[in-house]
Amino acid sequence: MIDGRRYRTDAWGACGEHVYPGGDIDPRQFFRIRNLTRRVRRLQPTLTFQLRSEFCVLALPTPPDIPSLRVLRPLNPPRPNDRVGFLPRIHASAVAELEDIGIQLIRDIPGDLILTEY
């Protein structure tokens, strides 16, 4: 019931009034058709210059060094609750043993490690 009115719905819960009734589709009811030829012609010299510049870069034997694209921080920084100590029902001694063998983050736990032994 919407706005105090009943709507018949199909099996997916969609209102029957919004279900495609069949027949021809007029694309003009969904899209606005505009002629952009003049705008594109004005941009063409700039685009040609930019594309030629890009092709020159692609033709280089090695990629250029772009300092602004260097990664300054790790892509997957550890989150505060990503440590093994946040595993549910894990004992402090088990956390210490895991850290002793070099496992500090949950994602570092190997798939074949049986945690019930810790």
C-alpha atoms as a PDB file:
ATOM      1  CA  MET A   1       0.000   0.000   0.000  1.00  0.00           C
ATOM      2  CA  ILE A   2       1.444   3.362  -1.053  1.00  0.00           C
ATOM      3  CA  ASP A   3      -0.192   6.709  -0.217  1.00  0.00           C
ATOM      4  CA  GLY A   4      -3.268   4.848   0.970  1.00  0.00           C
ATOM      5  CA  ARG A   5      -3.713   3.133  -2.422  1.00  0.00           C
ATOM      6  CA  ARG A   6      -3.288  -0.532  -3.264  1.00  0.00           C
ATOM      7  CA  TYR A   7      -1.006  -1.496  -6.141  1.00  0.00           C
ATOM      8  CA  ARG A   8      -0.884  -4.893  -7.782  1.00  0.00           C
ATOM      9  CA  THR A   9       2.678  -6.208  -7.868  1.00  0.00           C
ATOM     10  CA  ASP A  10       4.335  -8.993  -9.807  1.00  0.00           C
ATOM     11  CA  ALA A  11       6.386 -11.841  -8.306  1.00  0.00           C
ATOM     12  CA  TRP A  12       9.384  -9.518  -7.744  1.00  0.00           C
ATOM     13  CA  GLY A  13       7.360  -6.906  -5.902  1.00  0.00           C
ATOM     14  CA  ALA A  14       7.368  -4.408  -8.785  1.00  0.00           C
ATOM     15  CA  CYS A  15       4.233  -2.346  -9.232  1.00  0.00           C
ATOM     16  CA  GLY A  16       2.173  -3.580 -12.148  1.00  0.00           C
ATOM     17  CA  GLU A  17       1.933  -0.036 -13.495  1.00  0.00           C
ATOM     18  CA  HIS A  18       5.710   0.033 -14.090  1.00  0.00           C
ATOM     19  CA  VAL A  19       5.946  -3.278 -15.947  1.00  0.00           C
ATOM     20  CA  TYR A  20       6.654  -3.055 -19.691  1.00  0.00           C
ATOM     21  CA  PRO A  21       3.301  -3.601 -21.401  1.00  0.00           C
ATOM     22  CA  GLY A  22       4.808  -4.703 -24.730  1.00  0.00           C
ATOM     23  CA  GLY A  23       4.733  -3.040 -28.146  1.00  0.00           C
ATOM     24  CA  ASP A  24       7.082  -0.634 -29.868  1.00  0.00           C
ATOM     25  CA  ILE A  25       9.518   1.497 -27.862  1.00  0.00           C
ATOM     26  CA  ASP A  26      10.041   5.136 -28.805  1.00  0.00           C
ATOM     27  CA  PRO A  27      13.673   5.955 -27.864  1.00  0.00           C
ATOM     28  CA  ARG A  28      12.885   9.682 -27.917  1.00  0.00           C
ATOM     29  CA  GLN A  29      10.986   9.256 -24.669  1.00  0.00           C
ATOM     30  CA  PHE A  30      14.236   8.135 -22.967  1.00  0.00           C
ATOM     31  CA  PHE A  31      16.901  10.216 -24.728  1.00  0.00           C
ATOM     32  CA  ARG A  32      17.424  13.779 -25.790  1.00  0.00           C
ATOM     33  CA  ILE A  33      18.950  13.956 -29.264  1.00  0.00           C
ATOM     34  CA  ARG A  34      21.196  16.968 -29.915  1.00  0.00           C
ATOM     35  CA  ASN A  35      23.557  17.793 -32.723  1.00  0.00           C
ATOM     36  CA  LEU A  36      27.040  18.236 -31.214  1.00  0.00           C
ATOM     37  CA  THR A  37      28.932  18.607 -34.494  1.00  0.00           C
ATOM     38  CA  ARG A  38      29.917  22.248 -33.931  1.00  0.00           C
ATOM     39  CA  ARG A  39      31.193  21.601 -30.406  1.00  0.00           C
ATOM     40  CA  VAL A  40      33.221  18.623 -31.554  1.00  0.00           C
ATOM     41  CA  ARG A  41      34.743  20.555 -34.448  1.00  0.00           C
ATOM     42  CA  ARG A  42      35.890  23.283 -32.024  1.00  0.00           C
ATOM     43  CA  LEU A  43      37.564  20.675 -29.804  1.00  0.00           C
ATOM     44  CA  GLN A  44      39.196  18.738 -32.624  1.00  0.00           C
ATOM     45  CA  PRO A  45      42.504  20.724 -32.855  1.00  0.00           C
ATOM     46  CA  THR A  46      43.063  20.438 -29.101  1.00  0.00           C
ATOM     47  CA  LEU A  47      42.194  16.746 -29.087  1.00  0.00           C
ATOM     48  CA  THR A  48      44.508  16.090 -32.031  1.00  0.00           C
ATOM     49  CA  PHE A  49      47.410  17.766 -30.199  1.00  0.00           C
ATOM     50  CA  GLN A  50      46.698  15.844 -26.980  1.00  0.00           C
ATOM     51  CA  LEU A  51      46.433  12.513 -28.787  1.00  0.00           C
ATOM     52  CA  ARG A  52      49.718  13.078 -30.651  1.00  0.00           C
ATOM     53  CA  SER A  53      51.394  13.914 -27.330  1.00  0.00           C
ATOM     54  CA  GLU A  54      50.044  10.708 -25.800  1.00  0.00           C
ATOM     55  CA  PHE A  55      51.284   8.632 -28.741  1.00  0.00           C
ATOM     56  CA  CYS A  56      54.759  10.162 -28.280  1.00  0.00           C
ATOM     57  CA  VAL A  57      54.725   9.026 -24.650  1.00  0.00           C
ATOM     58  CA  LEU A  58      53.558   5.553 -25.676  1.00  0.00           C
ATOM     59  CA  ALA A  59      56.426   5.329 -28.168  1.00  0.00           C
ATOM     60  CA  LEU A  60      59.083   5.863 -25.469  1.00  0.00           C
ATOM     61  CA  PRO A  61      61.227   2.785 -24.703  1.00  0.00           C
ATOM     62  CA  THR A  62      60.537   3.112 -20.952  1.00  0.00           C
ATOM     63  CA  PRO A  63      57.685   4.767 -19.086  1.00  0.00           C
ATOM     64  CA  PRO A  64      58.395   8.325 -17.937  1.00  0.00           C
ATOM     65  CA  ASP A  65      59.096   8.969 -14.263  1.00  0.00           C
ATOM     66  CA  ILE A  66      56.088  10.825 -12.909  1.00  0.00           C
ATOM     67  CA  PRO A  67      56.740  11.696  -9.244  1.00  0.00           C
ATOM     68  CA  SER A  68      53.128  12.550  -8.460  1.00  0.00           C
ATOM     69  CA  LEU A  69      52.045   8.978  -9.247  1.00  0.00           C
ATOM     70  CA  ARG A  70      54.361   7.315  -6.732  1.00  0.00           C
ATOM     71  CA  VAL A  71      52.580   5.451  -3.982  1.00  0.00           C
ATOM     72  CA  LEU A  72      53.285   7.235  -0.728  1.00  0.00           C
ATOM     73  CA  ARG A  73      51.335   4.843   1.492  1.00  0.00           C
ATOM     74  CA  PRO A  74      50.589   1.128   1.256  1.00  0.00           C
ATOM     75  CA  LEU A  75      47.533   0.141  -0.768  1.00  0.00           C
ATOM     76  CA  ASN A  76      46.174  -2.031   2.047  1.00  0.00           C
ATOM     77  CA  PRO A  77      47.196  -0.311   5.279  1.00  0.00           C
ATOM     78  CA  PRO A  78      46.560  -2.371   8.400  1.00  0.00           C
ATOM     79  CA  ARG A  79      43.333  -1.400  10.101  1.00  0.00           C
ATOM     80  CA  PRO A  80      43.170  -1.155  13.880  1.00  0.00           C
ATOM     81  CA  ASN A  81      40.968  -4.285  14.073  1.00  0.00           C
ATOM     82  CA  ASP A  82      42.997  -6.220  11.459  1.00  0.00           C
ATOM     83  CA  ARG A  83      45.379  -7.646  14.048  1.00  0.00           C
ATOM     84  CA  VAL A  84      45.167 -11.269  15.217  1.00  0.00           C
ATOM     85  CA  GLY A  85      44.272 -10.059  18.700  1.00  0.00           C
ATOM     86  CA  PHE A  86      40.842  -9.075  17.370  1.00  0.00           C
ATOM     87  CA  LEU A  87      39.928 -12.634  16.395  1.00  0.00           C
ATOM     88  CA  PRO A  88      36.898 -13.737  18.420  1.00  0.00           C
ATOM     89  CA  ARG A  89      37.641 -15.932  21.467  1.00  0.00           C
ATOM     90  CA  ILE A  90      41.406 -15.988  20.900  1.00  0.00           C
ATOM     91  CA  HIS A  91      43.525 -16.311  24.027  1.00  0.00           C
ATOM     92  CA  ALA A  92      46.350 -13.860  24.727  1.00  0.00           C
ATOM     93  CA  SER A  93      48.898 -16.696  24.727  1.00  0.00           C
ATOM     94  CA  ALA A  94      47.736 -17.727  21.239  1.00  0.00           C
ATOM     95  CA  VAL A  95      48.198 -14.155  20.011  1.00  0.00           C
ATOM     96  CA  ALA A  96      51.718 -14.151  21.465  1.00  0.00           C
ATOM     97  CA  GLU A  97      52.550 -17.472  19.755  1.00  0.00           C
ATOM     98  CA  LEU A  98      51.239 -16.216  16.379  1.00  0.00           C
ATOM     99  CA  GLU A  99      53.247 -13.020  16.709  1.00  0.00           C
ATOM    100  CA  ASP A 100      56.343 -15.059  17.601  1.00  0.00           C
ATOM    101  CA  ILE A 101      56.142 -16.856  14.244  1.00  0.00           C
ATOM    102  CA  GLY A 102      55.681 -13.542  12.412  1.00  0.00           C
ATOM    103  CA  ILE A 103      51.884 -13.424  12.068  1.00  0.00           C
ATOM    104  CA  GLN A 104      50.503 -10.097  13.249  1.00  0.00           C
ATOM    105  CA  LEU A 105      47.646  -9.426  10.811  1.00  0.00           C
ATOM    106  CA  ILE A 106      44.625 -11.615  10.160  1.00  0.00           C
ATOM    107  CA  ARG A 107      45.358 -11.613   6.425  1.00  0.00           C
ATOM    108  CA  ASP A 108      48.839 -13.076   7.148  1.00  0.00           C
ATOM    109  CA  ILE A 109      47.385 -16.279   8.619  1.00  0.00           C
ATOM    110  CA  PRO A 110      48.101 -19.116   6.154  1.00  0.00           C
ATOM    111  CA  GLY A 111      45.073 -21.076   5.002  1.00  0.00           C
ATOM    112  CA  ASP A 112      46.486 -24.384   6.241  1.00  0.00           C
ATOM    113  CA  LEU A 113      47.142 -23.126   9.800  1.00  0.00           C
ATOM    114  CA  ILE A 114      44.796 -24.753  12.332  1.00  0.00           C
ATOM    115  CA  LEU A 115      43.915 -22.033  14.820  1.00  0.00           C
ATOM    116  CA  THR A 116      42.373 -24.421  17.359  1.00  0.00           C
ATOM    117  CA  GLU A 117      45.905 -25.627  18.184  1.00  0.00           C
ATOM    118  CA  TYR A 118      46.786 -22.173  19.523  1.00  0.00           C
END
